[in-house]
Protein backbone atom coordinates (compact mmCIF):
# COMPACT_ATOMS: atom_id res chain seq x y z
CA MET A 1 5.22 10.34 -5.86
CA THR A 2 8.59 8.84 -4.72
CA PRO A 3 9.32 4.89 -5.87
CA ASN A 4 9.31 2.79 -3.25
CA VAL A 5 11.52 -0.35 -2.23
CA ASP A 6 8.33 -2.13 -0.67
CA PHE A 7 6.84 -1.82 -4.10
CA ASP A 8 9.49 -3.30 -5.91
CA GLY A 9 10.98 0.22 -6.92
CA LEU A 10 7.25 1.55 -8.36
CA THR A 11 5.33 4.61 -6.84
CA PRO A 12 2.49 2.59 -4.73
CA ARG A 13 0.23 4.02 -7.29
CA GLN A 14 1.89 2.29 -9.97
CA TYR A 15 2.33 -0.88 -7.69
CA LEU A 16 -1.45 -0.83 -7.22
CA LYS A 17 -2.57 -0.65 -10.95
CA GLY A 18 -4.46 -3.56 -11.94
CA LYS A 19 -4.59 -5.27 -8.42
CA SER A 20 -7.61 -6.84 -7.23
CA TRP A 21 -9.86 -4.59 -4.29
CA ASP A 22 -8.63 -6.98 -1.96
CA GLU A 23 -5.08 -6.76 -2.23
CA ARG A 24 -5.87 -2.57 -2.19
CA ARG A 25 -7.63 -2.80 0.82
CA ARG A 26 -4.73 -5.07 2.57
CA LEU A 27 -2.46 -2.73 1.76
CA GLY A 28 -4.27 0.59 3.07
CA MET A 29 -5.28 -1.45 6.20
CA ASP A 30 -1.60 -2.15 6.38
CA ALA A 31 -0.80 1.13 6.20
CA LEU A 32 -3.19 2.71 8.84
CA ILE A 33 -1.95 0.46 11.44
CA LYS A 34 1.63 1.13 10.92
CA PHE A 35 0.80 5.16 10.94
CA LYS A 36 -1.13 3.99 14.28
CA VAL A 37 -4.29 5.36 12.71
CA LEU A 38 -5.92 2.06 13.29
CA ALA A 39 -4.79 -0.53 16.32
CA PRO A 40 -3.38 -3.48 15.13
C-alpha cells in the first residue's frame, strides 16, 4: 500500500491499526461518500 498524506504518511491499514471501530466506520463511510458509492 502507498503512504498517504491524509493519514500522516502512513498507509490506511497502518493508520487504522489500534483505532476504535467508530473511527474505522467513519473513515469507511467518508471514503464511500468521496467515491460516490453513497450519497452525502
